[in-house]
Full PDB file with SEQRES, HELIX, SHEET, SSBOND, CRYST1, ORIGX, SCALE, CONECT and MASTER records, all heavy atoms in Angstrom:
SEQRES   1 A   38  ASN LEU LYS GLU LEU VAL ASP GLU LYS VAL ILE TRP LYS          
SEQRES   2 A   38  ILE SER ILE ASN ASP SER GLN TYR LYS TYR ASP TYR PRO          
SEQRES   3 A   38  LYS LYS GLU HIS ASN HIS VAL ILE CYS ILE LYS CYS              
HELIX    1 AA1 LEU A    2  ASP A    7  1                                   6    
SHEET    1 AA1 2 TRP A  12  SER A  15  0                                        
SHEET    2 AA1 2 TYR A  21  ASP A  24 -1                                        
CRYST1    1.000    1.000    1.000  90.00  90.00  90.00 P 1           1          
ORIGX1      1.000000  0.000000  0.000000        0.00000                         
ORIGX2      0.000000  1.000000  0.000000        0.00000                         
ORIGX3      0.000000  0.000000  1.000000        0.00000                         
SCALE1      1.000000  0.000000  0.000000        0.00000                         
SCALE2      0.000000  1.000000  0.000000        0.00000                         
SCALE3      0.000000  0.000000  1.000000        0.00000                         
ATOM      1  N   ASN A   1     100.763  96.851 124.672  1.00  0.00           N  
ATOM      2  CA  ASN A   1     100.538  95.471 124.225  1.00  0.00           C  
ATOM      3  C   ASN A   1     101.210  95.191 122.866  1.00  0.00           C  
ATOM      4  O   ASN A   1     101.648  94.067 122.659  1.00  0.00           O  
ATOM      5  CB  ASN A   1      99.080  95.177 124.154  1.00  0.00           C  
ATOM      6  CG  ASN A   1      98.546  94.778 125.479  1.00  0.00           C  
ATOM      7  OD1 ASN A   1      98.677  93.618 125.905  1.00  0.00           O  
ATOM      8  ND2 ASN A   1      97.805  95.662 126.097  1.00  0.00           N  
ATOM      9  N   LEU A   2     101.255  96.172 121.939  1.00  0.00           N  
ATOM     10  CA  LEU A   2     101.979  96.026 120.739  1.00  0.00           C  
ATOM     11  C   LEU A   2     103.456  95.749 120.984  1.00  0.00           C  
ATOM     12  O   LEU A   2     104.060  94.784 120.414  1.00  0.00           O  
ATOM     13  CB  LEU A   2     101.857  97.233 119.825  1.00  0.00           C  
ATOM     14  CG  LEU A   2     100.447  97.395 119.134  1.00  0.00           C  
ATOM     15  CD1 LEU A   2     100.395  98.792 118.473  1.00  0.00           C  
ATOM     16  CD2 LEU A   2     100.187  96.340 118.181  1.00  0.00           C  
ATOM     17  N   LYS A   3     104.043  96.494 121.874  1.00  0.00           N  
ATOM     18  CA  LYS A   3     105.416  96.245 122.240  1.00  0.00           C  
ATOM     19  C   LYS A   3     105.670  94.826 122.758  1.00  0.00           C  
ATOM     20  O   LYS A   3     106.545  94.164 122.407  1.00  0.00           O  
ATOM     21  CB  LYS A   3     105.917  97.325 123.156  1.00  0.00           C  
ATOM     22  CG  LYS A   3     107.423  97.144 123.577  1.00  0.00           C  
ATOM     23  CD  LYS A   3     107.875  98.009 124.720  1.00  0.00           C  
ATOM     24  CE  LYS A   3     109.318  97.861 125.090  1.00  0.00           C  
ATOM     25  NZ  LYS A   3     109.854  96.547 125.124  1.00  0.00           N  
ATOM     26  N   GLU A   4     104.777  94.412 123.667  1.00  0.00           N  
ATOM     27  CA  GLU A   4     104.916  93.139 124.256  1.00  0.00           C  
ATOM     28  C   GLU A   4     104.745  92.014 123.210  1.00  0.00           C  
ATOM     29  O   GLU A   4     105.482  90.987 123.200  1.00  0.00           O  
ATOM     30  CB  GLU A   4     103.916  92.874 125.390  1.00  0.00           C  
ATOM     31  CG  GLU A   4     104.262  93.792 126.617  1.00  0.00           C  
ATOM     32  CD  GLU A   4     103.211  93.666 127.737  1.00  0.00           C  
ATOM     33  OE1 GLU A   4     102.198  92.964 127.594  1.00  0.00           O  
ATOM     34  OE2 GLU A   4     103.406  94.345 128.712  1.00  0.00           O  
ATOM     35  N   LEU A   5     103.782  92.208 122.296  1.00  0.00           N  
ATOM     36  CA  LEU A   5     103.542  91.190 121.293  1.00  0.00           C  
ATOM     37  C   LEU A   5     104.758  91.121 120.316  1.00  0.00           C  
ATOM     38  O   LEU A   5     105.096  90.007 119.869  1.00  0.00           O  
ATOM     39  CB  LEU A   5     102.258  91.553 120.499  1.00  0.00           C  
ATOM     40  CG  LEU A   5     100.952  91.286 121.242  1.00  0.00           C  
ATOM     41  CD1 LEU A   5      99.773  91.942 120.564  1.00  0.00           C  
ATOM     42  CD2 LEU A   5     100.710  89.782 121.450  1.00  0.00           C  
ATOM     43  N   VAL A   6     105.409  92.180 120.088  1.00  0.00           N  
ATOM     44  CA  VAL A   6     106.649  92.198 119.209  1.00  0.00           C  
ATOM     45  C   VAL A   6     107.761  91.484 119.974  1.00  0.00           C  
ATOM     46  O   VAL A   6     108.435  90.666 119.437  1.00  0.00           O  
ATOM     47  CB  VAL A   6     107.031  93.707 118.854  1.00  0.00           C  
ATOM     48  CG1 VAL A   6     108.425  93.702 118.253  1.00  0.00           C  
ATOM     49  CG2 VAL A   6     106.055  94.262 117.849  1.00  0.00           C  
ATOM     50  N   ASP A   7     107.958  91.875 121.218  1.00  0.00           N  
ATOM     51  CA  ASP A   7     108.973  91.265 122.042  1.00  0.00           C  
ATOM     52  C   ASP A   7     108.803  89.758 122.168  1.00  0.00           C  
ATOM     53  O   ASP A   7     109.819  88.996 122.184  1.00  0.00           O  
ATOM     54  CB  ASP A   7     109.027  91.843 123.485  1.00  0.00           C  
ATOM     55  CG  ASP A   7     109.504  93.259 123.532  1.00  0.00           C  
ATOM     56  OD1 ASP A   7     110.024  93.788 122.473  1.00  0.00           O  
ATOM     57  OD2 ASP A   7     109.261  93.916 124.543  1.00  0.00           O  
ATOM     58  N   GLU A   8     107.560  89.320 122.249  1.00  0.00           N  
ATOM     59  CA  GLU A   8     107.248  87.916 122.309  1.00  0.00           C  
ATOM     60  C   GLU A   8     107.258  87.185 120.913  1.00  0.00           C  
ATOM     61  O   GLU A   8     106.999  85.982 120.813  1.00  0.00           O  
ATOM     62  CB  GLU A   8     105.914  87.663 123.012  1.00  0.00           C  
ATOM     63  CG  GLU A   8     105.942  88.109 124.404  1.00  0.00           C  
ATOM     64  CD  GLU A   8     104.553  88.190 125.032  1.00  0.00           C  
ATOM     65  OE1 GLU A   8     103.531  87.634 124.457  1.00  0.00           O  
ATOM     66  OE2 GLU A   8     104.404  88.757 126.161  1.00  0.00           O  
ATOM     67  N   LYS A   9     107.508  87.932 119.868  1.00  0.00           N  
ATOM     68  CA  LYS A   9     107.586  87.489 118.481  1.00  0.00           C  
ATOM     69  C   LYS A   9     106.244  86.895 118.012  1.00  0.00           C  
ATOM     70  O   LYS A   9     106.214  86.019 117.133  1.00  0.00           O  
ATOM     71  CB  LYS A   9     108.717  86.487 118.292  1.00  0.00           C  
ATOM     72  CG  LYS A   9     110.034  87.060 118.643  1.00  0.00           C  
ATOM     73  CD  LYS A   9     111.172  86.115 118.571  1.00  0.00           C  
ATOM     74  CE  LYS A   9     112.420  86.823 118.836  1.00  0.00           C  
ATOM     75  NZ  LYS A   9     113.354  86.155 119.591  1.00  0.00           N  
ATOM     76  N   VAL A  10     105.157  87.482 118.512  1.00  0.00           N  
ATOM     77  CA  VAL A  10     103.808  87.080 118.019  1.00  0.00           C  
ATOM     78  C   VAL A  10     103.459  87.856 116.776  1.00  0.00           C  
ATOM     79  O   VAL A  10     102.822  87.369 115.871  1.00  0.00           O  
ATOM     80  CB  VAL A  10     102.811  87.310 119.118  1.00  0.00           C  
ATOM     81  CG1 VAL A  10     101.353  87.035 118.606  1.00  0.00           C  
ATOM     82  CG2 VAL A  10     103.099  86.439 120.364  1.00  0.00           C  
ATOM     83  N   ILE A  11     103.886  89.179 116.775  1.00  0.00           N  
ATOM     84  CA  ILE A  11     103.705  90.018 115.601  1.00  0.00           C  
ATOM     85  C   ILE A  11     105.099  90.626 115.175  1.00  0.00           C  
ATOM     86  O   ILE A  11     106.000  90.595 115.995  1.00  0.00           O  
ATOM     87  CB  ILE A  11     102.687  91.144 115.921  1.00  0.00           C  
ATOM     88  CG1 ILE A  11     103.113  92.074 117.060  1.00  0.00           C  
ATOM     89  CG2 ILE A  11     101.285  90.559 116.303  1.00  0.00           C  
ATOM     90  CD1 ILE A  11     102.230  93.305 117.250  1.00  0.00           C  
ATOM     91  N   TRP A  12     105.111  91.225 114.060  1.00  0.00           N  
ATOM     92  CA  TRP A  12     106.258  91.899 113.508  1.00  0.00           C  
ATOM     93  C   TRP A  12     106.094  93.417 113.519  1.00  0.00           C  
ATOM     94  O   TRP A  12     104.997  93.927 113.181  1.00  0.00           O  
ATOM     95  CB  TRP A  12     106.624  91.413 112.107  1.00  0.00           C  
ATOM     96  CG  TRP A  12     106.949  90.017 111.941  1.00  0.00           C  
ATOM     97  CD1 TRP A  12     107.472  89.193 112.889  1.00  0.00           C  
ATOM     98  CD2 TRP A  12     106.891  89.239 110.773  1.00  0.00           C  
ATOM     99  NE1 TRP A  12     107.735  87.937 112.360  1.00  0.00           N  
ATOM    100  CE2 TRP A  12     107.431  87.969 111.088  1.00  0.00           C  
ATOM    101  CE3 TRP A  12     106.511  89.544 109.413  1.00  0.00           C  
ATOM    102  CZ2 TRP A  12     107.420  86.953 110.113  1.00  0.00           C  
ATOM    103  CZ3 TRP A  12     106.573  88.518 108.524  1.00  0.00           C  
ATOM    104  CH2 TRP A  12     107.079  87.224 108.791  1.00  0.00           C  
ATOM    105  N   LYS A  13     107.101  94.095 113.900  1.00  0.00           N  
ATOM    106  CA  LYS A  13     107.237  95.594 113.770  1.00  0.00           C  
ATOM    107  C   LYS A  13     108.104  95.845 112.589  1.00  0.00           C  
ATOM    108  O   LYS A  13     109.244  95.602 112.598  1.00  0.00           O  
ATOM    109  CB  LYS A  13     107.750  96.175 115.042  1.00  0.00           C  
ATOM    110  CG  LYS A  13     107.812  97.662 115.120  1.00  0.00           C  
ATOM    111  CD  LYS A  13     108.350  98.147 116.444  1.00  0.00           C  
ATOM    112  CE  LYS A  13     108.413  99.666 116.561  1.00  0.00           C  
ATOM    113  NZ  LYS A  13     108.935 100.072 117.886  1.00  0.00           N  
ATOM    114  N   ILE A  14     107.510  96.527 111.554  1.00  0.00           N  
ATOM    115  CA  ILE A  14     108.228  96.744 110.356  1.00  0.00           C  
ATOM    116  C   ILE A  14     108.600  98.283 110.307  1.00  0.00           C  
ATOM    117  O   ILE A  14     107.750  99.156 110.337  1.00  0.00           O  
ATOM    118  CB  ILE A  14     107.378  96.438 109.143  1.00  0.00           C  
ATOM    119  CG1 ILE A  14     106.937  94.965 109.242  1.00  0.00           C  
ATOM    120  CG2 ILE A  14     108.107  96.661 107.792  1.00  0.00           C  
ATOM    121  CD1 ILE A  14     105.755  94.556 108.317  1.00  0.00           C  
ATOM    122  N   SER A  15     109.858  98.531 110.066  1.00  0.00           N  
ATOM    123  CA  SER A  15     110.306  99.984 110.004  1.00  0.00           C  
ATOM    124  C   SER A  15     110.051 100.509 108.596  1.00  0.00           C  
ATOM    125  O   SER A  15     110.516  99.959 107.578  1.00  0.00           O  
ATOM    126  CB  SER A  15     111.801 100.012 110.313  1.00  0.00           C  
ATOM    127  OG  SER A  15     112.316 101.306 110.101  1.00  0.00           O  
ATOM    128  N   ILE A  16     109.311 101.588 108.543  1.00  0.00           N  
ATOM    129  CA  ILE A  16     109.041 102.339 107.297  1.00  0.00           C  
ATOM    130  C   ILE A  16     110.193 103.311 107.023  1.00  0.00           C  
ATOM    131  O   ILE A  16     110.668 103.431 105.921  1.00  0.00           O  
ATOM    132  CB  ILE A  16     107.666 102.993 107.299  1.00  0.00           C  
ATOM    133  CG1 ILE A  16     106.583 102.041 107.663  1.00  0.00           C  
ATOM    134  CG2 ILE A  16     107.444 103.701 105.978  1.00  0.00           C  
ATOM    135  CD1 ILE A  16     106.468 100.838 106.676  1.00  0.00           C  
ATOM    136  N   ASN A  17     110.492 104.033 108.097  1.00  0.00           N  
ATOM    137  CA  ASN A  17     111.622 104.972 108.057  1.00  0.00           C  
ATOM    138  C   ASN A  17     112.102 105.058 109.496  1.00  0.00           C  
ATOM    139  O   ASN A  17     111.757 104.349 110.388  1.00  0.00           O  
ATOM    140  CB  ASN A  17     111.231 106.301 107.457  1.00  0.00           C  
ATOM    141  CG  ASN A  17     110.052 106.914 108.165  1.00  0.00           C  
ATOM    142  OD1 ASN A  17     109.950 106.920 109.336  1.00  0.00           O  
ATOM    143  ND2 ASN A  17     109.112 107.476 107.357  1.00  0.00           N  
ATOM    144  N   ASP A  18     112.945 106.108 109.777  1.00  0.00           N  
ATOM    145  CA  ASP A  18     113.507 106.258 111.144  1.00  0.00           C  
ATOM    146  C   ASP A  18     112.523 106.458 112.259  1.00  0.00           C  
ATOM    147  O   ASP A  18     112.821 106.159 113.394  1.00  0.00           O  
ATOM    148  CB  ASP A  18     114.492 107.359 111.171  1.00  0.00           C  
ATOM    149  CG  ASP A  18     115.778 107.068 110.372  1.00  0.00           C  
ATOM    150  OD1 ASP A  18     116.005 105.846 110.105  1.00  0.00           O  
ATOM    151  OD2 ASP A  18     116.509 107.940 109.954  1.00  0.00           O  
ATOM    152  N   SER A  19     111.299 106.930 111.904  1.00  0.00           N  
ATOM    153  CA  SER A  19     110.310 107.211 112.945  1.00  0.00           C  
ATOM    154  C   SER A  19     108.948 106.616 112.764  1.00  0.00           C  
ATOM    155  O   SER A  19     108.029 106.831 113.573  1.00  0.00           O  
ATOM    156  CB  SER A  19     110.179 108.750 113.095  1.00  0.00           C  
ATOM    157  OG  SER A  19     109.722 109.239 111.872  1.00  0.00           O  
ATOM    158  N   GLN A  20     108.749 105.862 111.709  1.00  0.00           N  
ATOM    159  CA  GLN A  20     107.429 105.372 111.444  1.00  0.00           C  
ATOM    160  C   GLN A  20     107.485 103.800 111.326  1.00  0.00           C  
ATOM    161  O   GLN A  20     108.397 103.250 110.704  1.00  0.00           O  
ATOM    162  CB  GLN A  20     106.795 105.894 110.129  1.00  0.00           C  
ATOM    163  CG  GLN A  20     105.462 105.451 109.893  1.00  0.00           C  
ATOM    164  CD  GLN A  20     104.820 106.020 108.551  1.00  0.00           C  
ATOM    165  OE1 GLN A  20     105.589 106.489 107.770  1.00  0.00           O  
ATOM    166  NE2 GLN A  20     103.509 105.907 108.411  1.00  0.00           N  
ATOM    167  N   TYR A  21     106.537 103.140 111.968  1.00  0.00           N  
ATOM    168  CA  TYR A  21     106.503 101.703 112.002  1.00  0.00           C  
ATOM    169  C   TYR A  21     105.036 101.232 111.697  1.00  0.00           C  
ATOM    170  O   TYR A  21     104.086 101.927 112.027  1.00  0.00           O  
ATOM    171  CB  TYR A  21     106.896 101.125 113.391  1.00  0.00           C  
ATOM    172  CG  TYR A  21     108.275 101.564 113.775  1.00  0.00           C  
ATOM    173  CD1 TYR A  21     108.503 102.750 114.519  1.00  0.00           C  
ATOM    174  CD2 TYR A  21     109.300 100.867 113.391  1.00  0.00           C  
ATOM    175  CE1 TYR A  21     109.704 103.119 114.911  1.00  0.00           C  
ATOM    176  CE2 TYR A  21     110.640 101.260 113.752  1.00  0.00           C  
ATOM    177  CZ  TYR A  21     110.830 102.397 114.559  1.00  0.00           C  
ATOM    178  OH  TYR A  21     112.083 102.794 114.803  1.00  0.00           O  
ATOM    179  N   LYS A  22     105.005 100.043 111.131  1.00  0.00           N  
ATOM    180  CA  LYS A  22     103.723  99.340 110.931  1.00  0.00           C  
ATOM    181  C   LYS A  22     103.819  97.931 111.501  1.00  0.00           C  
ATOM    182  O   LYS A  22     104.963  97.461 111.697  1.00  0.00           O  
ATOM    183  CB  LYS A  22     103.313  99.324 109.499  1.00  0.00           C  
ATOM    184  CG  LYS A  22     103.003 100.706 108.936  1.00  0.00           C  
ATOM    185  CD  LYS A  22     102.391 100.688 107.565  1.00  0.00           C  
ATOM    186  CE  LYS A  22     101.986 102.056 107.113  1.00  0.00           C  
ATOM    187  NZ  LYS A  22     101.361 102.072 105.837  1.00  0.00           N  
ATOM    188  N   TYR A  23     102.697  97.328 111.719  1.00  0.00           N  
ATOM    189  CA  TYR A  23     102.642  96.020 112.407  1.00  0.00           C  
ATOM    190  C   TYR A  23     102.027  95.015 111.520  1.00  0.00           C  
ATOM    191  O   TYR A  23     101.198  95.281 110.715  1.00  0.00           O  
ATOM    192  CB  TYR A  23     101.913  96.128 113.764  1.00  0.00           C  
ATOM    193  CG  TYR A  23     102.693  97.012 114.716  1.00  0.00           C  
ATOM    194  CD1 TYR A  23     102.434  98.407 114.726  1.00  0.00           C  
ATOM    195  CD2 TYR A  23     103.581  96.449 115.602  1.00  0.00           C  
ATOM    196  CE1 TYR A  23     103.144  99.187 115.582  1.00  0.00           C  
ATOM    197  CE2 TYR A  23     104.181  97.322 116.499  1.00  0.00           C  
ATOM    198  CZ  TYR A  23     104.038  98.650 116.480  1.00  0.00           C  
ATOM    199  OH  TYR A  23     104.756  99.498 117.331  1.00  0.00           O  
ATOM    200  N   ASP A  24     102.561  93.724 111.608  1.00  0.00           N  
ATOM    201  CA  ASP A  24     102.080  92.672 110.778  1.00  0.00           C  
ATOM    202  C   ASP A  24     101.839  91.369 111.648  1.00  0.00           C  
ATOM    203  O   ASP A  24     102.718  91.083 112.494  1.00  0.00           O  
ATOM    204  CB  ASP A  24     103.166  92.431 109.763  1.00  0.00           C  
ATOM    205  CG  ASP A  24     102.714  91.449 108.668  1.00  0.00           C  
ATOM    206  OD1 ASP A  24     101.574  91.059 108.566  1.00  0.00           O  
ATOM    207  OD2 ASP A  24     103.610  91.088 107.818  1.00  0.00           O  
ATOM    208  N   TYR A  25     100.753  90.769 111.496  1.00  0.00           N  
ATOM    209  CA  TYR A  25     100.580  89.466 112.086  1.00  0.00           C  
ATOM    210  C   TYR A  25     100.970  88.422 111.000  1.00  0.00           C  
ATOM    211  O   TYR A  25     100.338  88.271 109.973  1.00  0.00           O  
ATOM    212  CB  TYR A  25      99.113  89.225 112.475  1.00  0.00           C  
ATOM    213  CG  TYR A  25      98.881  87.896 113.087  1.00  0.00           C  
ATOM    214  CD1 TYR A  25      99.222  87.684 114.464  1.00  0.00           C  
ATOM    215  CD2 TYR A  25      98.430  86.864 112.361  1.00  0.00           C  
ATOM    216  CE1 TYR A  25      99.061  86.373 114.985  1.00  0.00           C  
ATOM    217  CE2 TYR A  25      98.192  85.575 112.943  1.00  0.00           C  
ATOM    218  CZ  TYR A  25      98.562  85.362 114.278  1.00  0.00           C  
ATOM    219  OH  TYR A  25      98.368  84.092 114.769  1.00  0.00           O  
ATOM    220  N   PRO A  26     102.061  87.668 111.201  1.00  0.00           N  
ATOM    221  CA  PRO A  26     102.551  86.759 110.170  1.00  0.00           C  
ATOM    222  C   PRO A  26     101.754  85.501 110.066  1.00  0.00           C  
ATOM    223  O   PRO A  26     101.984  84.560 110.746  1.00  0.00           O  
ATOM    224  CB  PRO A  26     103.993  86.546 110.658  1.00  0.00           C  
ATOM    225  CG  PRO A  26     103.954  86.723 112.107  1.00  0.00           C  
ATOM    226  CD  PRO A  26     102.929  87.708 112.413  1.00  0.00           C  
ATOM    227  N   LYS A  27     100.779  85.501 109.235  1.00  0.00           N  
ATOM    228  CA  LYS A  27      99.874  84.359 108.966  1.00  0.00           C  
ATOM    229  C   LYS A  27     100.724  83.277 108.331  1.00  0.00           C  
ATOM    230  O   LYS A  27     100.403  82.064 108.519  1.00  0.00           O  
ATOM    231  CB  LYS A  27      98.762  84.760 108.084  1.00  0.00           C  
ATOM    232  CG  LYS A  27      97.761  85.795 108.679  1.00  0.00           C  
ATOM    233  CD  LYS A  27      96.736  86.176 107.715  1.00  0.00           C  
ATOM    234  CE  LYS A  27      95.868  87.234 108.347  1.00  0.00           C  
ATOM    235  NZ  LYS A  27      96.258  88.631 108.047  1.00  0.00           N  
ATOM    236  N   LYS A  28     101.751  83.619 107.584  1.00  0.00           N  
ATOM    237  CA  LYS A  28     102.599  82.687 106.992  1.00  0.00           C  
ATOM    238  C   LYS A  28     104.031  83.389 106.910  1.00  0.00           C  
ATOM    239  O   LYS A  28     104.129  84.593 106.950  1.00  0.00           O  
ATOM    240  CB  LYS A  28     102.136  82.218 105.628  1.00  0.00           C  
ATOM    241  CG  LYS A  28     102.003  83.337 104.585  1.00  0.00           C  
ATOM    242  CD  LYS A  28     101.565  82.875 103.325  1.00  0.00           C  
ATOM    243  CE  LYS A  28     101.390  84.064 102.360  1.00  0.00           C  
ATOM    244  NZ  LYS A  28     101.146  83.636 101.026  1.00  0.00           N  
ATOM    245  N   GLU A  29     105.050  82.586 106.646  1.00  0.00           N  
ATOM    246  CA  GLU A  29     106.374  83.197 106.532  1.00  0.00           C  
ATOM    247  C   GLU A  29     106.456  83.953 105.198  1.00  0.00           C  
ATOM    248  O   GLU A  29     106.005  83.492 104.185  1.00  0.00           O  
ATOM    249  CB  GLU A  29     107.417  82.052 106.468  1.00  0.00           C  
ATOM    250  CG  GLU A  29     108.835  82.458 106.599  1.00  0.00           C  
ATOM    251  CD  GLU A  29     109.798  81.377 106.679  1.00  0.00           C  
ATOM    252  OE1 GLU A  29     109.444  80.250 107.078  1.00  0.00           O  
ATOM    253  OE2 GLU A  29     110.985  81.572 106.432  1.00  0.00           O  
ATOM    254  N   HIS A  30     106.951  85.210 105.330  1.00  0.00           N  
ATOM    255  CA  HIS A  30     107.043  86.049 104.166  1.00  0.00           C  
ATOM    256  C   HIS A  30     108.009  87.129 104.487  1.00  0.00           C  
ATOM    257  O   HIS A  30     108.406  87.351 105.566  1.00  0.00           O  
ATOM    258  CB  HIS A  30     105.717  86.614 103.746  1.00  0.00           C  
ATOM    259  CG  HIS A  30     105.067  87.533 104.708  1.00  0.00           C  
ATOM    260  ND1 HIS A  30     104.336  87.067 105.778  1.00  0.00           N  
ATOM    261  CD2 HIS A  30     105.004  88.846 104.774  1.00  0.00           C  
ATOM    262  CE1 HIS A  30     103.865  88.046 106.528  1.00  0.00           C  
ATOM    263  NE2 HIS A  30     104.283  89.180 105.898  1.00  0.00           N  
ATOM    264  N   ASN A  31     108.366  87.894 103.387  1.00  0.00           N  
ATOM    265  CA  ASN A  31     109.271  89.024 103.541  1.00  0.00           C  
ATOM    266  C   ASN A  31     108.489  90.303 102.982  1.00  0.00           C  
ATOM    267  O   ASN A  31     107.344  90.189 102.616  1.00  0.00           O  
ATOM    268  CB  ASN A  31     110.569  88.777 102.820  1.00  0.00           C  
ATOM    269  CG  ASN A  31     111.353  87.692 103.407  1.00  0.00           C  
ATOM    270  OD1 ASN A  31     111.718  87.736 104.628  1.00  0.00           O  
ATOM    271  ND2 ASN A  31     111.543  86.575 102.663  1.00  0.00           N  
ATOM    272  N   HIS A  32     109.208  91.434 103.061  1.00  0.00           N  
ATOM    273  CA  HIS A  32     108.495  92.661 102.680  1.00  0.00           C  
ATOM    274  C   HIS A  32     109.289  93.518 101.711  1.00  0.00           C  
ATOM    275  O   HIS A  32     110.562  93.610 101.810  1.00  0.00           O  
ATOM    276  CB  HIS A  32     108.237  93.546 103.847  1.00  0.00           C  
ATOM    277  CG  HIS A  32     107.355  92.871 104.917  1.00  0.00           C  
ATOM    278  ND1 HIS A  32     107.882  92.258 106.008  1.00  0.00           N  
ATOM    279  CD2 HIS A  32     106.008  92.646 104.967  1.00  0.00           C  
ATOM    280  CE1 HIS A  32     106.876  91.741 106.689  1.00  0.00           C  
ATOM    281  NE2 HIS A  32     105.771  92.012 106.072  1.00  0.00           N  
ATOM    282  N   VAL A  33     108.669  94.228 100.769  1.00  0.00           N  
ATOM    283  CA  VAL A  33     109.141  95.186  99.951  1.00  0.00           C  
ATOM    284  C   VAL A  33     108.488  96.539 100.405  1.00  0.00           C  
ATOM    285  O   VAL A  33     107.245  96.556 100.462  1.00  0.00           O  
ATOM    286  CB  VAL A  33     108.879  95.006  98.461  1.00  0.00           C  
ATOM    287  CG1 VAL A  33     109.368  96.195  97.585  1.00  0.00           C  
ATOM    288  CG2 VAL A  33     109.634  93.677  97.950  1.00  0.00           C  
ATOM    289  N   ILE A  34     109.309  97.548 100.748  1.00  0.00           N  
ATOM    290  CA  ILE A  34     108.733  98.764 101.279  1.00  0.00           C  
ATOM    291  C   ILE A  34     109.173  99.948 100.431  1.00  0.00           C  
ATOM    292  O   ILE A  34     110.355 100.094 100.178  1.00  0.00           O  
ATOM    293  CB  ILE A  34     109.339  98.968 102.727  1.00  0.00           C  
ATOM    294  CG1 ILE A  34     108.874  97.754 103.589  1.00  0.00           C  
ATOM    295  CG2 ILE A  34     108.824 100.244 103.376  1.00  0.00           C  
ATOM    296  CD1 ILE A  34     109.618  97.701 104.912  1.00  0.00           C  
ATOM    297  N   CYS A  35     108.234 100.742 100.069  1.00  0.00           N  
ATOM    298  CA  CYS A  35     108.573 101.993  99.299  1.00  0.00           C  
ATOM    299  C   CYS A  35     109.005 103.043 100.181  1.00  0.00           C  
ATOM    300  O   CYS A  35     108.384 103.356 101.209  1.00  0.00           O  
ATOM    301  CB  CYS A  35     107.237 102.486  98.601  1.00  0.00           C  
ATOM    302  SG  CYS A  35     107.618 104.030  97.595  1.00  0.00           S  
ATOM    303  N   ILE A  36     110.206 103.596  99.873  1.00  0.00           N  
ATOM    304  CA  ILE A  36     110.814 104.641 100.749  1.00  0.00           C  
ATOM    305  C   ILE A  36     110.189 105.994 100.546  1.00  0.00           C  
ATOM    306  O   ILE A  36     110.370 106.873 101.374  1.00  0.00           O  
ATOM    307  CB  ILE A  36     112.330 104.757 100.531  1.00  0.00           C  
ATOM    308  CG1 ILE A  36     112.621 105.094  99.083  1.00  0.00           C  
ATOM    309  CG2 ILE A  36     113.044 103.487 100.904  1.00  0.00           C  
ATOM    310  CD1 ILE A  36     114.055 105.415  98.768  1.00  0.00           C  
ATOM    311  N   LYS A  37     109.260 106.171  99.572  1.00  0.00           N  
ATOM    312  CA  LYS A  37     108.573 107.437  99.344  1.00  0.00           C  
ATOM    313  C   LYS A  37     107.252 107.463  99.988  1.00  0.00           C  
ATOM    314  O   LYS A  37     106.898 108.339 100.803  1.00  0.00           O  
ATOM    315  CB  LYS A  37     108.495 107.704  97.862  1.00  0.00           C  
ATOM    316  CG  LYS A  37     109.808 108.107  97.220  1.00  0.00           C  
ATOM    317  CD  LYS A  37     109.557 108.870  95.915  1.00  0.00           C  
ATOM    318  CE  LYS A  37     110.892 109.428  95.521  1.00  0.00           C  
ATOM    319  NZ  LYS A  37     110.733 110.705  94.863  1.00  0.00           N  
ATOM    320  N   CYS A  38     106.414 106.472  99.716  1.00  0.00           N  
ATOM    321  CA  CYS A  38     104.955 106.434 100.255  1.00  0.00           C  
ATOM    322  C   CYS A  38     104.834 105.565 101.406  1.00  0.00           C  
ATOM    323  O   CYS A  38     103.759 105.641 102.067  1.00  0.00           O  
ATOM    324  CB  CYS A  38     104.033 106.087  99.122  1.00  0.00           C  
ATOM    325  SG  CYS A  38     104.168 104.349  98.530  1.00  0.00           S  
TER     326      CYS A  38                                                      
MASTER        0    0    0    1    2    0    0    6  325    1    0    3          
END                                                                             
């Protein structure tokens, strides 16, 4: 369901690194700053 929600652009899949992802429900338009260490 997470994959389908991303494909349908209901939620965002945010890449932390090459193998780790987090998900976001965009309540409003925004961008992200991501720490490459933590």
